[in-house]
Protein backbone atom coordinates (compact mmCIF):
# COMPACT_ATOMS: atom_id res chain seq x y z
CA MET A 1 22.54 33.92 -37.39
CA ALA A 2 22.03 30.65 -35.54
CA ASN A 3 18.93 28.74 -36.50
CA LEU A 4 16.33 27.50 -34.03
CA TYR A 5 17.87 24.01 -33.91
CA ASP A 6 21.22 25.45 -32.85
CA LYS A 7 19.57 27.55 -30.15
CA ALA A 8 17.47 24.71 -28.74
CA SER A 9 18.74 22.72 -25.77
CA LEU A 10 16.19 19.92 -26.27
CA VAL A 11 14.61 18.69 -29.51
CA LEU A 12 12.14 15.79 -29.45
CA PRO A 13 10.26 13.94 -32.18
CA THR A 14 6.54 14.58 -32.35
CA SER A 15 5.88 11.10 -30.90
CA PRO A 16 9.00 10.19 -28.92
CA ALA A 17 9.60 6.68 -27.63
CA TYR A 18 10.66 6.45 -24.02
CA LYS A 19 11.74 4.07 -21.34
CA ASP A 20 12.57 4.49 -17.67
CA GLY A 21 15.36 7.06 -17.46
CA ALA A 22 15.59 7.78 -21.21
CA ILE A 23 13.53 9.37 -23.98
CA GLN A 24 14.15 9.40 -27.73
CA ALA A 25 15.60 12.77 -28.75
CA TYR A 26 17.31 14.60 -31.62
CA LYS A 27 19.22 16.85 -29.23
CA PRO A 28 20.96 16.30 -26.86
CA LEU A 29 21.45 12.57 -27.26
CA THR A 30 23.55 9.62 -26.27
CA SER A 31 25.14 7.10 -28.61
CA GLU A 32 21.79 5.24 -28.48
CA GLY A 33 19.90 8.28 -29.74
CA THR A 34 18.25 9.00 -26.40
CA PHE A 35 18.23 11.85 -23.89
CA ASP A 36 18.99 10.47 -20.43
CA PHE A 37 17.38 11.93 -17.32
CA SER A 38 16.88 11.14 -13.66
CA ARG A 39 13.69 11.84 -11.73
CA GLY A 40 14.69 10.21 -8.45
CA SER A 41 12.29 7.82 -6.77
CA ASN A 42 8.59 7.72 -7.50
CA LEU A 43 8.09 9.70 -4.31
CA ALA A 44 10.13 12.61 -5.71
CA ALA A 45 8.29 12.66 -9.03
CA THR A 46 5.27 14.79 -9.89
CA ARG A 47 2.89 14.84 -12.82
CA VAL A 48 -0.07 16.84 -14.12
CA ASN A 49 -3.24 14.77 -13.80
CA ALA A 50 -6.36 14.77 -15.97
CA ASP A 51 -7.79 17.70 -13.99
CA GLY A 52 -4.73 19.85 -14.64
CA LEU A 53 -3.53 19.54 -11.03
CA ILE A 54 -0.01 18.63 -9.97
CA GLU A 55 0.09 15.41 -7.96
CA LYS A 56 2.97 13.54 -6.37
CA GLY A 57 4.18 10.15 -7.47
CA ARG A 58 2.94 7.13 -5.54
CA GLU A 59 5.06 4.24 -4.35
CA ASN A 60 4.24 1.18 -2.28
CA LEU A 61 6.90 0.98 0.43
CA LEU A 62 6.07 -2.64 1.28
CA LEU A 63 8.06 -5.48 -0.25
CA GLN A 64 6.10 -8.37 -1.76
CA SER A 65 2.90 -6.65 -0.71
CA ASN A 66 0.71 -9.57 -1.72
CA ASN A 67 3.12 -12.44 -1.08
CA LEU A 68 2.49 -13.24 2.56
CA ASN A 69 4.92 -16.17 2.43
CA ALA A 70 7.87 -13.95 1.43
CA THR A 71 8.83 -10.81 3.37
CA TRP A 72 5.89 -11.16 5.77
CA TYR A 73 5.83 -13.38 8.85
CA ASN A 74 3.01 -14.49 11.06
CA SER A 75 2.28 -15.39 14.64
CA GLY A 76 -0.17 -18.26 14.94
CA SER A 77 -1.95 -17.69 11.61
CA ALA A 78 -2.18 -20.15 8.72
CA LEU A 79 -2.04 -18.65 5.22
CA THR A 80 -3.72 -20.17 2.15
CA LEU A 81 -3.20 -18.58 -1.28
CA GLY A 82 -5.52 -19.02 -4.28
CA GLN A 83 -8.65 -17.28 -2.96
CA GLU A 84 -10.88 -15.09 -5.09
CA GLY A 85 -9.87 -11.43 -4.77
CA TYR A 86 -11.63 -8.11 -5.11
CA ASP A 87 -10.22 -7.64 -8.63
CA GLY A 88 -11.31 -10.90 -10.25
CA THR A 89 -7.98 -12.66 -9.70
CA ASN A 90 -7.32 -15.69 -7.51
CA ASP A 91 -4.32 -14.33 -5.60
CA ALA A 92 -6.07 -13.39 -2.36
CA TRP A 93 -5.28 -15.18 0.91
CA LEU A 94 -7.36 -16.99 3.50
CA VAL A 95 -5.86 -16.05 6.87
CA SER A 96 -6.80 -18.49 9.65
CA ARG A 97 -6.22 -17.32 13.19
CA GLY A 98 -5.48 -19.85 15.90
CA GLY A 99 -6.13 -17.64 18.94
CA ALA A 100 -5.71 -14.30 20.66
CA TYR A 101 -3.12 -11.81 19.36
CA ASN A 102 -2.33 -13.83 16.23
CA TYR A 103 -1.10 -11.51 13.47
CA VAL A 104 0.69 -11.19 10.13
CA ALA A 105 3.42 -8.52 9.88
CA GLN A 106 6.22 -7.01 7.82
CA ASP A 107 9.18 -5.04 9.21
CA VAL A 108 9.72 -1.60 7.66
CA SER A 109 11.77 1.54 8.23
CA THR A 110 9.79 4.64 7.28
CA SER A 111 8.85 7.97 8.85
CA GLY A 112 6.54 10.94 8.47
CA VAL A 113 2.89 11.16 7.51
CA GLN A 114 1.92 7.81 5.97
CA SER A 115 -1.08 5.69 5.09
CA TYR A 116 -1.32 1.92 5.48
CA SER A 117 -4.12 0.07 3.74
CA ILE A 118 -5.17 -3.48 2.99
CA TYR A 119 -8.04 -5.13 1.14
CA ALA A 120 -10.01 -7.45 3.38
CA LYS A 121 -13.18 -9.58 3.32
CA ALA A 122 -15.07 -11.26 6.13
CA GLY A 123 -14.66 -14.99 6.61
CA SER A 124 -15.88 -16.65 9.79
CA PHE A 125 -14.67 -13.44 11.48
CA ASP A 126 -16.24 -10.09 10.55
CA TRP A 127 -13.46 -7.86 11.88
CA ILE A 128 -9.86 -6.93 11.09
CA TYR A 129 -7.46 -4.90 13.23
CA VAL A 130 -5.10 -2.87 11.02
CA ARG A 131 -2.09 -1.76 13.05
CA VAL A 132 1.43 -0.29 12.92
CA GLN A 133 4.28 -0.29 15.42
CA ASN A 134 6.58 2.71 15.79
CA SER A 135 10.27 2.85 16.66
CA SER A 136 9.40 3.19 20.37
CA LEU A 137 7.45 -0.10 20.10
CA ALA A 138 4.13 1.69 20.62
CA TYR A 139 1.14 0.40 18.63
CA ARG A 140 -1.38 2.45 16.64
CA GLY A 141 -4.32 1.05 14.73
CA ALA A 142 -8.03 0.76 14.07
CA TYR A 143 -10.71 -1.94 13.88
CA PHE A 144 -12.80 -2.37 10.73
CA ASP A 145 -16.14 -4.17 10.40
CA LEU A 146 -16.00 -6.27 7.23
CA SER A 147 -19.67 -7.17 7.33
CA GLY A 148 -21.14 -3.68 7.70
CA GLY A 149 -18.36 -1.54 6.22
CA SER A 150 -17.78 0.67 9.26
CA VAL A 151 -14.87 1.73 11.46
CA GLY A 152 -14.77 0.50 15.04
CA ALA A 153 -12.40 1.45 17.84
CA VAL A 154 -9.48 3.69 16.87
CA ASP A 155 -6.23 3.95 18.82
CA SER A 156 -4.72 7.27 19.86
CA GLN A 157 -2.35 9.02 17.43
CA ILE A 158 -4.25 7.78 14.37
CA ILE A 159 -4.96 10.87 12.26
CA ASP A 160 -7.75 9.40 10.14
CA THR A 161 -9.35 6.14 9.00
CA LYS A 162 -11.30 5.08 5.95
CA ILE A 163 -13.16 1.97 4.77
CA GLU A 164 -14.25 1.66 1.13
CA SER A 165 -16.28 -1.05 -0.57
CA VAL A 166 -14.34 -2.25 -3.65
CA GLY A 167 -16.52 -5.12 -4.86
CA ASN A 168 -16.84 -8.87 -4.30
CA GLU A 169 -17.54 -8.17 -0.59
CA TYR A 170 -14.04 -6.72 -0.08
CA TYR A 171 -13.24 -3.46 1.67
CA ARG A 172 -10.12 -1.33 1.51
CA CYS A 173 -9.25 -0.47 5.12
CA THR A 174 -6.90 2.49 5.64
CA ILE A 175 -5.24 4.18 8.61
CA LEU A 176 -3.34 7.47 8.44
CA PHE A 177 -0.64 8.43 10.95
CA ASN A 178 2.56 10.40 11.54
CA GLU A 179 5.14 7.98 12.93
CA THR A 180 8.61 6.52 12.55
CA LEU A 181 7.71 2.89 11.85
CA ASN A 182 9.42 -0.42 12.26
CA ARG A 183 6.47 -2.72 11.51
CA VAL A 184 3.03 -2.97 9.88
CA LEU A 185 0.56 -5.64 10.98
CA PHE A 186 -2.97 -6.92 10.61
CA TYR A 187 -5.00 -9.22 12.89
CA PRO A 188 -8.08 -11.32 12.14
CA VAL A 189 -10.34 -10.60 15.14
CA PRO A 190 -13.77 -11.86 16.23
CA SER A 191 -15.14 -8.48 17.32
CA ASN A 192 -14.51 -4.78 17.79
CA ASN A 193 -11.64 -4.39 20.29
CA GLY A 194 -11.27 -8.17 20.12
CA VAL A 195 -7.55 -8.59 19.53
CA GLY A 196 -7.18 -10.32 22.91
CA ALA A 197 -10.29 -12.47 22.61
CA GLY A 198 -9.87 -16.22 22.26
CA GLY A 199 -11.12 -18.44 19.48
CA SER A 200 -10.09 -19.35 15.94
CA GLY A 201 -11.46 -17.83 12.76
CA THR A 202 -10.73 -16.54 9.26
CA ILE A 203 -10.69 -13.47 7.03
CA TYR A 204 -9.57 -12.90 3.42
CA ILE A 205 -6.68 -10.53 2.59
CA GLN A 206 -5.21 -9.05 -0.59
CA ASP A 207 -2.75 -6.30 -1.60
CA ALA A 208 -1.38 -4.36 1.38
CA GLN A 209 0.06 -0.89 0.75
CA LEU A 210 2.17 1.59 2.73
CA GLU A 211 2.83 4.99 1.19
CA GLN A 212 4.06 8.42 2.13
CA GLY A 213 1.63 11.28 2.57
CA LEU A 214 -2.14 11.46 2.72
């Protein structure tokens, strides 16, 4: 009669060591003494959280999400790193707008229900316009008041918006939409609906995120 070890398809130590794509195992194993596996991208992965509920993996689809001098580009805005952030670090940015319609943007290629968020703090301007552009070159977005913590004007096709206080006078500003995207943007603005208004001014920015789902 075969013993339990022979019958088992997977045998792990009581406290296995693991790394991305491999976990220490007694059976089956590679020449390195590990069991190799593939879970796909973070978006395909699921886990059981502390409440016993299954939740999907999360993945930031933006490249260099807090390096505005790398994969981001800007139109008429000066960028200064080394500002105090919401999390106690000094890797936030002072974004200085020169005039109307000045923005900072990153090109992307994503589709479906998505959320785009960014941490922002008032400077000489109290407002930010968080915006995306779809594959038909149509814009969707919302205005956020960084002095009072409220949502201003919201464009059509935006499913939902949210603004959360996260400390050190920063807010996390989020828009939710169902689009095929080619760009995400944000604009320092002097007022609600003020993307076309003249005048220079500043806001602080840190850690943008684009992810699939709600």
